[in-house]
Amino acid sequence: MKKKTLPSLDDAFAREVGDFESLTALTAAVRKDLEDHASRDADAGVRQQLVDQIAAANPFDIPASWVSQLIDGYVQAYQIPEEEKGRFQNEFRPVAERQVRRDLIVDTIAERESLKASEADIDDRVADVAAKRGADPGQVYASLQKAGRLREIEQSITEDKVFKWLLERNEIG
């Protein structure tokens, strides 16, 4: 009969699973990752509450073509087989509608309140990414531009500005 044995949780184990000096360092890293994840989840929940409240207070129709376009993008990205496409589209439609509504709300607020990301904001974010990677900001910028990711960074910064603006003016229950 085979018996599974678990490794001892000690400094040797910590060095084996990663670049950690001790079990204490590994434990601290895991704790920080869990706290960061919980913080991101809480932030996402607050953001969704804000969007839901805005949408409830200001109902509007969303363009069906935008929803279809988003669904088609996910069908391609996830390489949904043709025979599963219809079911996927039906199941994913509410998620896509919510995303389109969210994007329209964020874009409208960003436009009205002049909260769109500036070139300086994008440069600062790229510099932060480069610093974390220990890379040259110019090379990181060129790499992101080549990969078509600068628009994604711009949207992320704009969204952060919009939600910061909303949180300063609203209470979340």
N, C-alpha and C. Protein backbone atom coordinates (compact mmCIF):
# COMPACT_ATOMS: atom_id res chain seq x y z
N MET A 1 0.85 -1.17 0.00
CA MET A 1 0.00 0.00 0.00
C MET A 1 0.90 1.24 0.00
N LYS A 2 0.56 2.19 -0.85
CA LYS A 2 1.33 3.42 -0.91
C LYS A 2 0.75 4.45 0.04
N LYS A 3 1.64 5.17 0.66
CA LYS A 3 1.20 6.21 1.59
C LYS A 3 1.82 7.54 1.14
N LYS A 4 0.97 8.55 1.02
CA LYS A 4 1.47 9.87 0.63
C LYS A 4 2.11 10.53 1.83
N THR A 5 3.24 11.13 1.58
CA THR A 5 3.89 11.90 2.64
C THR A 5 4.05 13.32 2.16
N LEU A 6 3.67 14.22 3.00
CA LEU A 6 3.78 15.64 2.69
C LEU A 6 5.13 16.15 3.16
N PRO A 7 5.70 17.09 2.41
CA PRO A 7 6.99 17.63 2.84
C PRO A 7 6.82 18.47 4.11
N SER A 8 7.87 18.57 4.86
CA SER A 8 7.86 19.39 6.08
C SER A 8 7.80 20.85 5.69
N LEU A 9 7.00 21.59 6.44
CA LEU A 9 6.92 23.04 6.21
C LEU A 9 8.06 23.69 6.99
N ASP A 10 9.18 23.85 6.29
CA ASP A 10 10.34 24.45 6.92
C ASP A 10 11.07 25.34 5.92
N ASP A 11 12.19 25.89 6.33
CA ASP A 11 12.95 26.80 5.46
C ASP A 11 13.40 26.11 4.17
N ALA A 12 13.74 24.84 4.25
CA ALA A 12 14.16 24.10 3.05
C ALA A 12 13.01 24.01 2.05
N PHE A 13 11.81 23.75 2.55
CA PHE A 13 10.62 23.72 1.69
C PHE A 13 10.42 25.08 1.02
N ALA A 14 10.54 26.16 1.78
CA ALA A 14 10.35 27.51 1.24
C ALA A 14 11.34 27.78 0.12
N ARG A 15 12.61 27.39 0.31
CA ARG A 15 13.62 27.61 -0.74
C ARG A 15 13.32 26.75 -1.97
N GLU A 16 12.74 25.59 -1.75
CA GLU A 16 12.45 24.67 -2.84
C GLU A 16 11.30 25.17 -3.73
N VAL A 17 10.29 25.80 -3.14
CA VAL A 17 9.12 26.23 -3.91
C VAL A 17 9.29 27.60 -4.55
N GLY A 18 10.32 28.32 -4.17
CA GLY A 18 10.51 29.64 -4.77
C GLY A 18 11.74 30.32 -4.22
N ASP A 19 11.86 31.55 -4.53
CA ASP A 19 13.01 32.34 -4.12
C ASP A 19 12.75 32.95 -2.74
N PHE A 20 12.62 32.08 -1.74
CA PHE A 20 12.33 32.53 -0.39
C PHE A 20 13.46 32.08 0.54
N GLU A 21 13.86 32.96 1.43
CA GLU A 21 14.93 32.67 2.38
C GLU A 21 14.47 31.71 3.48
N SER A 22 13.19 31.83 3.84
CA SER A 22 12.70 31.06 4.97
C SER A 22 11.20 30.80 4.83
N LEU A 23 10.70 29.95 5.71
CA LEU A 23 9.27 29.67 5.73
C LEU A 23 8.50 30.94 6.10
N THR A 24 9.09 31.77 6.95
CA THR A 24 8.46 33.03 7.33
C THR A 24 8.28 33.93 6.10
N ALA A 25 9.30 33.99 5.24
CA ALA A 25 9.22 34.81 4.02
C ALA A 25 8.16 34.26 3.07
N LEU A 26 8.10 32.92 2.93
CA LEU A 26 7.08 32.29 2.08
C LEU A 26 5.68 32.59 2.62
N THR A 27 5.51 32.44 3.92
CA THR A 27 4.22 32.71 4.56
C THR A 27 3.81 34.16 4.35
N ALA A 28 4.75 35.09 4.50
CA ALA A 28 4.46 36.51 4.30
C ALA A 28 4.05 36.78 2.85
N ALA A 29 4.73 36.15 1.90
CA ALA A 29 4.41 36.34 0.48
C ALA A 29 3.02 35.81 0.16
N VAL A 30 2.69 34.63 0.69
CA VAL A 30 1.37 34.05 0.46
C VAL A 30 0.30 34.93 1.09
N ARG A 31 0.55 35.40 2.31
CA ARG A 31 -0.41 36.28 2.99
C ARG A 31 -0.64 37.55 2.18
N LYS A 32 0.44 38.16 1.68
CA LYS A 32 0.32 39.39 0.88
C LYS A 32 -0.48 39.12 -0.39
N ASP A 33 -0.21 38.00 -1.07
CA ASP A 33 -0.97 37.65 -2.27
C ASP A 33 -2.46 37.50 -1.97
N LEU A 34 -2.77 36.83 -0.86
CA LEU A 34 -4.18 36.65 -0.48
C LEU A 34 -4.84 37.99 -0.14
N GLU A 35 -4.12 38.84 0.58
CA GLU A 35 -4.65 40.17 0.92
C GLU A 35 -4.86 41.01 -0.33
N ASP A 36 -3.90 40.96 -1.26
CA ASP A 36 -4.04 41.71 -2.52
C ASP A 36 -5.24 41.21 -3.31
N HIS A 37 -5.41 39.90 -3.35
CA HIS A 37 -6.54 39.31 -4.08
C HIS A 37 -7.86 39.74 -3.44
N ALA A 38 -7.93 39.69 -2.12
CA ALA A 38 -9.15 40.11 -1.41
C ALA A 38 -9.43 41.59 -1.66
N SER A 39 -8.40 42.40 -1.68
CA SER A 39 -8.57 43.83 -1.93
C SER A 39 -9.09 44.08 -3.35
N ARG A 40 -8.53 43.36 -4.33
CA ARG A 40 -9.01 43.51 -5.72
C ARG A 40 -10.46 43.07 -5.85
N ASP A 41 -10.81 41.97 -5.17
CA ASP A 41 -12.20 41.49 -5.21
C ASP A 41 -13.15 42.51 -4.58
N ALA A 42 -12.75 43.08 -3.45
CA ALA A 42 -13.59 44.08 -2.78
C ALA A 42 -13.75 45.31 -3.66
N ASP A 43 -12.66 45.76 -4.29
CA ASP A 43 -12.70 46.91 -5.17
C ASP A 43 -13.63 46.65 -6.36
N ALA A 44 -13.52 45.46 -6.93
CA ALA A 44 -14.38 45.10 -8.06
C ALA A 44 -15.85 45.09 -7.64
N GLY A 45 -16.12 44.62 -6.44
CA GLY A 45 -17.49 44.61 -5.93
C GLY A 45 -18.04 46.01 -5.75
N VAL A 46 -17.23 46.90 -5.21
CA VAL A 46 -17.65 48.30 -5.03
C VAL A 46 -17.90 48.94 -6.39
N ARG A 47 -17.01 48.71 -7.32
CA ARG A 47 -17.17 49.27 -8.67
C ARG A 47 -18.46 48.78 -9.31
N GLN A 48 -18.74 47.49 -9.14
CA GLN A 48 -19.96 46.94 -9.74
C GLN A 48 -21.20 47.52 -9.06
N GLN A 49 -21.15 47.74 -7.75
CA GLN A 49 -22.28 48.37 -7.06
C GLN A 49 -22.52 49.77 -7.60
N LEU A 50 -21.46 50.53 -7.80
CA LEU A 50 -21.61 51.88 -8.35
C LEU A 50 -22.25 51.84 -9.73
N VAL A 51 -21.75 50.97 -10.58
CA VAL A 51 -22.31 50.86 -11.94
C VAL A 51 -23.77 50.44 -11.88
N ASP A 52 -24.08 49.47 -11.03
CA ASP A 52 -25.47 49.00 -10.91
C ASP A 52 -26.38 50.13 -10.43
N GLN A 53 -25.93 50.93 -9.47
CA GLN A 53 -26.73 52.05 -8.98
C GLN A 53 -26.93 53.11 -10.06
N ILE A 54 -25.89 53.40 -10.80
CA ILE A 54 -26.00 54.39 -11.88
C ILE A 54 -26.96 53.88 -12.95
N ALA A 55 -26.83 52.62 -13.32
CA ALA A 55 -27.69 52.04 -14.35
C ALA A 55 -29.15 52.02 -13.89
N ALA A 56 -29.37 51.72 -12.61
CA ALA A 56 -30.75 51.69 -12.09
C ALA A 56 -31.36 53.08 -12.07
N ALA A 57 -30.55 54.08 -11.75
CA ALA A 57 -31.05 55.45 -11.67
C ALA A 57 -31.18 56.10 -13.05
N ASN A 58 -30.47 55.56 -14.03
CA ASN A 58 -30.45 56.14 -15.38
C ASN A 58 -30.59 55.03 -16.42
N PRO A 59 -31.77 54.42 -16.52
CA PRO A 59 -31.91 53.32 -17.48
C PRO A 59 -31.74 53.80 -18.92
N PHE A 60 -31.08 52.96 -19.71
CA PHE A 60 -30.88 53.28 -21.12
C PHE A 60 -30.71 51.99 -21.90
N ASP A 61 -31.08 52.06 -23.18
CA ASP A 61 -30.91 50.91 -24.05
C ASP A 61 -29.45 50.84 -24.49
N ILE A 62 -28.97 49.63 -24.66
CA ILE A 62 -27.61 49.46 -25.14
C ILE A 62 -27.66 48.93 -26.57
N PRO A 63 -26.69 49.31 -27.38
CA PRO A 63 -26.69 48.86 -28.78
C PRO A 63 -26.52 47.35 -28.89
N ALA A 64 -27.50 46.69 -29.48
CA ALA A 64 -27.45 45.23 -29.64
C ALA A 64 -26.23 44.81 -30.45
N SER A 65 -25.84 45.65 -31.41
CA SER A 65 -24.69 45.30 -32.24
C SER A 65 -23.41 45.26 -31.42
N TRP A 66 -23.30 46.13 -30.40
CA TRP A 66 -22.11 46.12 -29.54
C TRP A 66 -22.06 44.85 -28.70
N VAL A 67 -23.24 44.44 -28.22
CA VAL A 67 -23.32 43.21 -27.43
C VAL A 67 -22.91 42.03 -28.32
N SER A 68 -23.45 41.97 -29.52
CA SER A 68 -23.13 40.88 -30.45
C SER A 68 -21.64 40.88 -30.79
N GLN A 69 -21.09 42.06 -30.98
CA GLN A 69 -19.67 42.17 -31.30
C GLN A 69 -18.81 41.65 -30.14
N LEU A 70 -19.18 41.99 -28.91
CA LEU A 70 -18.44 41.51 -27.75
C LEU A 70 -18.54 39.99 -27.64
N ILE A 71 -19.75 39.46 -27.82
CA ILE A 71 -19.95 38.01 -27.76
C ILE A 71 -19.11 37.32 -28.84
N ASP A 72 -19.13 37.86 -30.05
CA ASP A 72 -18.35 37.26 -31.14
C ASP A 72 -16.85 37.28 -30.82
N GLY A 73 -16.41 38.35 -30.18
CA GLY A 73 -15.00 38.43 -29.78
C GLY A 73 -14.64 37.33 -28.80
N TYR A 74 -15.53 37.05 -27.86
CA TYR A 74 -15.27 35.98 -26.90
C TYR A 74 -15.38 34.60 -27.55
N VAL A 75 -16.29 34.46 -28.50
CA VAL A 75 -16.40 33.19 -29.23
C VAL A 75 -15.07 32.89 -29.92
N GLN A 76 -14.48 33.92 -30.54
CA GLN A 76 -13.20 33.73 -31.22
C GLN A 76 -12.06 33.52 -30.22
N ALA A 77 -12.04 34.33 -29.17
CA ALA A 77 -10.96 34.24 -28.19
C ALA A 77 -10.93 32.87 -27.51
N TYR A 78 -12.09 32.34 -27.18
CA TYR A 78 -12.17 31.05 -26.50
C TYR A 78 -12.31 29.89 -27.48
N GLN A 79 -12.31 30.18 -28.77
CA GLN A 79 -12.39 29.17 -29.81
C GLN A 79 -13.54 28.19 -29.56
N ILE A 80 -14.73 28.79 -29.39
CA ILE A 80 -15.93 27.99 -29.13
C ILE A 80 -16.28 27.22 -30.40
N PRO A 81 -16.45 25.91 -30.30
CA PRO A 81 -16.81 25.10 -31.48
C PRO A 81 -18.16 25.55 -32.05
N GLU A 82 -18.31 25.40 -33.33
CA GLU A 82 -19.52 25.84 -34.03
C GLU A 82 -20.79 25.27 -33.42
N GLU A 83 -20.74 24.00 -33.02
CA GLU A 83 -21.95 23.37 -32.46
C GLU A 83 -22.30 23.91 -31.07
N GLU A 84 -21.37 24.56 -30.39
CA GLU A 84 -21.61 25.14 -29.07
C GLU A 84 -21.86 26.65 -29.12
N LYS A 85 -21.68 27.22 -30.28
CA LYS A 85 -21.73 28.69 -30.43
C LYS A 85 -23.07 29.28 -29.97
N GLY A 86 -24.18 28.70 -30.40
CA GLY A 86 -25.50 29.23 -30.04
C GLY A 86 -25.74 29.21 -28.54
N ARG A 87 -25.41 28.10 -27.90
CA ARG A 87 -25.58 27.98 -26.45
C ARG A 87 -24.69 28.99 -25.73
N PHE A 88 -23.44 29.11 -26.17
CA PHE A 88 -22.52 30.07 -25.55
C PHE A 88 -23.06 31.49 -25.68
N GLN A 89 -23.53 31.84 -26.88
CA GLN A 89 -24.06 33.20 -27.10
C GLN A 89 -25.23 33.49 -26.17
N ASN A 90 -26.13 32.54 -26.00
CA ASN A 90 -27.28 32.74 -25.12
C ASN A 90 -26.86 32.87 -23.65
N GLU A 91 -25.94 32.02 -23.22
CA GLU A 91 -25.50 32.05 -21.83
C GLU A 91 -24.67 33.29 -21.52
N PHE A 92 -23.88 33.73 -22.50
CA PHE A 92 -22.97 34.85 -22.28
C PHE A 92 -23.63 36.21 -22.49
N ARG A 93 -24.79 36.25 -23.15
CA ARG A 93 -25.45 37.51 -23.47
C ARG A 93 -25.65 38.43 -22.26
N PRO A 94 -26.16 37.94 -21.11
CA PRO A 94 -26.33 38.85 -19.96
C PRO A 94 -25.00 39.45 -19.48
N VAL A 95 -23.95 38.67 -19.53
CA VAL A 95 -22.63 39.17 -19.13
C VAL A 95 -22.17 40.25 -20.11
N ALA A 96 -22.35 40.00 -21.39
CA ALA A 96 -21.94 40.96 -22.41
C ALA A 96 -22.77 42.24 -22.31
N GLU A 97 -24.06 42.11 -22.07
CA GLU A 97 -24.91 43.30 -21.91
C GLU A 97 -24.45 44.14 -20.72
N ARG A 98 -24.13 43.47 -19.64
CA ARG A 98 -23.67 44.18 -18.44
C ARG A 98 -22.34 44.88 -18.72
N GLN A 99 -21.45 44.22 -19.46
CA GLN A 99 -20.15 44.82 -19.78
C GLN A 99 -20.31 46.03 -20.70
N VAL A 100 -21.16 45.92 -21.70
CA VAL A 100 -21.39 47.06 -22.60
C VAL A 100 -21.99 48.23 -21.82
N ARG A 101 -22.96 47.95 -20.97
CA ARG A 101 -23.57 49.00 -20.15
C ARG A 101 -22.51 49.66 -19.27
N ARG A 102 -21.67 48.86 -18.65
CA ARG A 102 -20.60 49.37 -17.78
C ARG A 102 -19.65 50.26 -18.58
N ASP A 103 -19.23 49.78 -19.75
CA ASP A 103 -18.31 50.56 -20.58
C ASP A 103 -18.92 51.90 -20.99
N LEU A 104 -20.20 51.88 -21.35
CA LEU A 104 -20.87 53.12 -21.75
C LEU A 104 -20.96 54.10 -20.58
N ILE A 105 -21.24 53.59 -19.39
CA ILE A 105 -21.32 54.45 -18.20
C ILE A 105 -19.96 55.07 -17.92
N VAL A 106 -18.93 54.25 -17.91
CA VAL A 106 -17.57 54.74 -17.63
C VAL A 106 -17.15 55.76 -18.69
N ASP A 107 -17.37 55.44 -19.96
CA ASP A 107 -16.98 56.36 -21.04
C ASP A 107 -17.73 57.68 -20.95
N THR A 108 -19.01 57.63 -20.63
CA THR A 108 -19.81 58.85 -20.53
C THR A 108 -19.33 59.73 -19.39
N ILE A 109 -19.08 59.14 -18.24
CA ILE A 109 -18.59 59.92 -17.10
C ILE A 109 -17.20 60.48 -17.39
N ALA A 110 -16.35 59.67 -17.98
CA ALA A 110 -14.99 60.12 -18.30
C ALA A 110 -15.04 61.32 -19.24
N GLU A 111 -15.93 61.26 -20.21
CA GLU A 111 -16.05 62.36 -21.18
C GLU A 111 -16.61 63.62 -20.51
N ARG A 112 -17.69 63.46 -19.77
CA ARG A 112 -18.35 64.62 -19.14
C ARG A 112 -17.48 65.30 -18.09
N GLU A 113 -16.69 64.51 -17.37
CA GLU A 113 -15.90 65.05 -16.25
C GLU A 113 -14.42 65.22 -16.59
N SER A 114 -14.08 65.06 -17.86
CA SER A 114 -12.69 65.19 -18.33
C SER A 114 -11.74 64.30 -17.52
N LEU A 115 -12.07 63.03 -17.47
CA LEU A 115 -11.29 62.08 -16.69
C LEU A 115 -10.51 61.09 -17.56
N LYS A 116 -10.47 61.33 -18.84
CA LYS A 116 -9.77 60.40 -19.73
C LYS A 116 -8.27 60.43 -19.44
N ALA A 117 -7.63 59.30 -19.62
CA ALA A 117 -6.19 59.18 -19.39
C ALA A 117 -5.44 60.08 -20.36
N SER A 118 -4.45 60.77 -19.83
CA SER A 118 -3.60 61.63 -20.66
C SER A 118 -2.35 60.85 -21.09
N GLU A 119 -1.61 61.43 -22.03
CA GLU A 119 -0.35 60.83 -22.44
C GLU A 119 0.60 60.70 -21.25
N ALA A 120 0.61 61.72 -20.38
CA ALA A 120 1.47 61.68 -19.19
C ALA A 120 1.06 60.55 -18.26
N ASP A 121 -0.26 60.31 -18.12
CA ASP A 121 -0.74 59.20 -17.30
C ASP A 121 -0.24 57.86 -17.85
N ILE A 122 -0.33 57.72 -19.17
CA ILE A 122 0.11 56.48 -19.81
C ILE A 122 1.61 56.31 -19.64
N ASP A 123 2.36 57.40 -19.85
CA ASP A 123 3.81 57.34 -19.67
C ASP A 123 4.18 56.94 -18.24
N ASP A 124 3.46 57.49 -17.26
CA ASP A 124 3.71 57.15 -15.85
C ASP A 124 3.44 55.67 -15.59
N ARG A 125 2.34 55.16 -16.15
CA ARG A 125 2.00 53.74 -15.94
C ARG A 125 3.06 52.85 -16.59
N VAL A 126 3.49 53.22 -17.80
CA VAL A 126 4.53 52.44 -18.47
C VAL A 126 5.83 52.47 -17.66
N ALA A 127 6.16 53.63 -17.12
CA ALA A 127 7.36 53.75 -16.29
C ALA A 127 7.26 52.86 -15.06
N ASP A 128 6.08 52.78 -14.45
CA ASP A 128 5.87 51.90 -13.30
C ASP A 128 6.08 50.43 -13.69
N VAL A 129 5.51 50.05 -14.81
CA VAL A 129 5.67 48.67 -15.30
C VAL A 129 7.14 48.38 -15.56
N ALA A 130 7.81 49.33 -16.19
CA ALA A 130 9.23 49.15 -16.50
C ALA A 130 10.06 49.02 -15.22
N ALA A 131 9.75 49.84 -14.23
CA ALA A 131 10.48 49.77 -12.96
C ALA A 131 10.28 48.42 -12.28
N LYS A 132 9.07 47.91 -12.32
CA LYS A 132 8.80 46.61 -11.70
C LYS A 132 9.54 45.49 -12.42
N ARG A 133 9.72 45.64 -13.72
CA ARG A 133 10.41 44.62 -14.51
C ARG A 133 11.92 44.85 -14.55
N GLY A 134 12.35 46.01 -14.08
CA GLY A 134 13.77 46.35 -14.18
C GLY A 134 14.18 46.56 -15.63
N ALA A 135 13.28 47.15 -16.41
CA ALA A 135 13.51 47.34 -17.84
C ALA A 135 13.50 48.82 -18.20
N ASP A 136 13.93 49.11 -19.40
CA ASP A 136 13.94 50.47 -19.91
C ASP A 136 12.51 50.88 -20.30
N PRO A 137 12.03 52.04 -19.82
CA PRO A 137 10.66 52.46 -20.15
C PRO A 137 10.40 52.57 -21.65
N GLY A 138 11.37 53.02 -22.40
CA GLY A 138 11.20 53.13 -23.85
C GLY A 138 10.97 51.79 -24.51
N GLN A 139 11.70 50.78 -24.04
CA GLN A 139 11.54 49.44 -24.59
C GLN A 139 10.19 48.85 -24.20
N VAL A 140 9.78 49.08 -22.96
CA VAL A 140 8.48 48.58 -22.50
C VAL A 140 7.37 49.26 -23.30
N TYR A 141 7.48 50.57 -23.51
CA TYR A 141 6.48 51.30 -24.29
C TYR A 141 6.39 50.72 -25.70
N ALA A 142 7.54 50.52 -26.33
CA ALA A 142 7.56 49.98 -27.70
C ALA A 142 6.96 48.59 -27.74
N SER A 143 7.25 47.77 -26.73
CA SER A 143 6.72 46.42 -26.66
C SER A 143 5.20 46.45 -26.50
N LEU A 144 4.71 47.31 -25.61
CA LEU A 144 3.27 47.43 -25.40
C LEU A 144 2.57 47.97 -26.65
N GLN A 145 3.21 48.91 -27.31
CA GLN A 145 2.64 49.49 -28.53
C GLN A 145 2.56 48.42 -29.62
N LYS A 146 3.63 47.66 -29.77
CA LYS A 146 3.67 46.60 -30.79
C LYS A 146 2.59 45.55 -30.54
N ALA A 147 2.35 45.24 -29.26
CA ALA A 147 1.35 44.23 -28.89
C ALA A 147 -0.07 44.79 -28.89
N GLY A 148 -0.21 46.10 -29.15
CA GLY A 148 -1.54 46.71 -29.16
C GLY A 148 -2.14 46.85 -27.78
N ARG A 149 -1.30 46.99 -26.75
CA ARG A 149 -1.78 47.02 -25.37
C ARG A 149 -1.90 48.42 -24.80
N LEU A 150 -1.43 49.45 -25.52
CA LEU A 150 -1.50 50.81 -24.98
C LEU A 150 -2.95 51.27 -24.78
N ARG A 151 -3.83 50.88 -25.68
CA ARG A 151 -5.25 51.24 -25.55
C ARG A 151 -5.83 50.63 -24.28
N GLU A 152 -5.44 49.41 -23.99
CA GLU A 152 -5.89 48.73 -22.78
C GLU A 152 -5.41 49.48 -21.53
N ILE A 153 -4.18 49.96 -21.55
CA ILE A 153 -3.64 50.72 -20.43
C ILE A 153 -4.38 52.04 -20.30
N GLU A 154 -4.65 52.68 -21.41
CA GLU A 154 -5.41 53.95 -21.39
C GLU A 154 -6.79 53.73 -20.79
N GLN A 155 -7.46 52.67 -21.18
CA GLN A 155 -8.79 52.38 -20.65
C GLN A 155 -8.73 52.09 -19.15
N SER A 156 -7.72 51.36 -18.72
CA SER A 156 -7.57 51.03 -17.32
C SER A 156 -7.37 52.29 -16.48
N ILE A 157 -6.54 53.19 -16.95
CA ILE A 157 -6.29 54.44 -16.22
C ILE A 157 -7.56 55.28 -16.18
N THR A 158 -8.25 55.38 -17.31
CA THR A 158 -9.50 56.15 -17.36
C THR A 158 -10.51 55.57 -16.39
N GLU A 159 -10.65 54.25 -16.40
CA GLU A 159 -11.59 53.60 -15.49
C GLU A 159 -11.22 53.88 -14.04
N ASP A 160 -9.94 53.79 -13.72
CA ASP A 160 -9.50 54.09 -12.35
C ASP A 160 -9.86 55.51 -11.95
N LYS A 161 -9.67 56.45 -12.86
CA LYS A 161 -10.00 57.86 -12.58
C LYS A 161 -11.51 58.03 -12.37
N VAL A 162 -12.30 57.38 -13.20
CA VAL A 162 -13.76 57.48 -13.09
C VAL A 162 -14.23 56.93 -11.75
N PHE A 163 -13.74 55.77 -11.37
CA PHE A 163 -14.20 55.18 -10.11
C PHE A 163 -13.67 55.95 -8.91
N LYS A 164 -12.50 56.50 -9.01
CA LYS A 164 -12.01 57.36 -7.91
C LYS A 164 -12.94 58.57 -7.78
N TRP A 165 -13.30 59.18 -8.90
CA TRP A 165 -14.20 60.33 -8.92
C TRP A 165 -15.56 59.95 -8.33
N LEU A 166 -16.08 58.78 -8.72
CA LEU A 166 -17.38 58.33 -8.22
C LEU A 166 -17.33 58.05 -6.72
N LEU A 167 -16.27 57.41 -6.26
CA LEU A 167 -16.16 57.09 -4.84
C LEU A 167 -16.05 58.34 -3.97
N GLU A 168 -15.45 59.38 -4.51
CA GLU A 168 -15.35 60.63 -3.76
C GLU A 168 -16.71 61.31 -3.60
N ARG A 169 -17.68 60.96 -4.44
CA ARG A 169 -18.97 61.64 -4.46
C ARG A 169 -20.13 60.76 -4.04
N ASN A 170 -19.88 59.49 -3.71
CA ASN A 170 -20.97 58.57 -3.39
C ASN A 170 -20.62 57.70 -2.20
N GLU A 171 -21.66 57.23 -1.53
CA GLU A 171 -21.50 56.28 -0.43
C GLU A 171 -21.94 54.92 -0.93
N ILE A 172 -21.16 53.93 -0.56
CA ILE A 172 -21.49 52.56 -0.94
C ILE A 172 -21.91 51.83 0.33
N GLY A 173 -23.08 51.20 0.27
CA GLY A 173 -23.62 50.53 1.45
C GLY A 173 -23.27 49.09 1.55
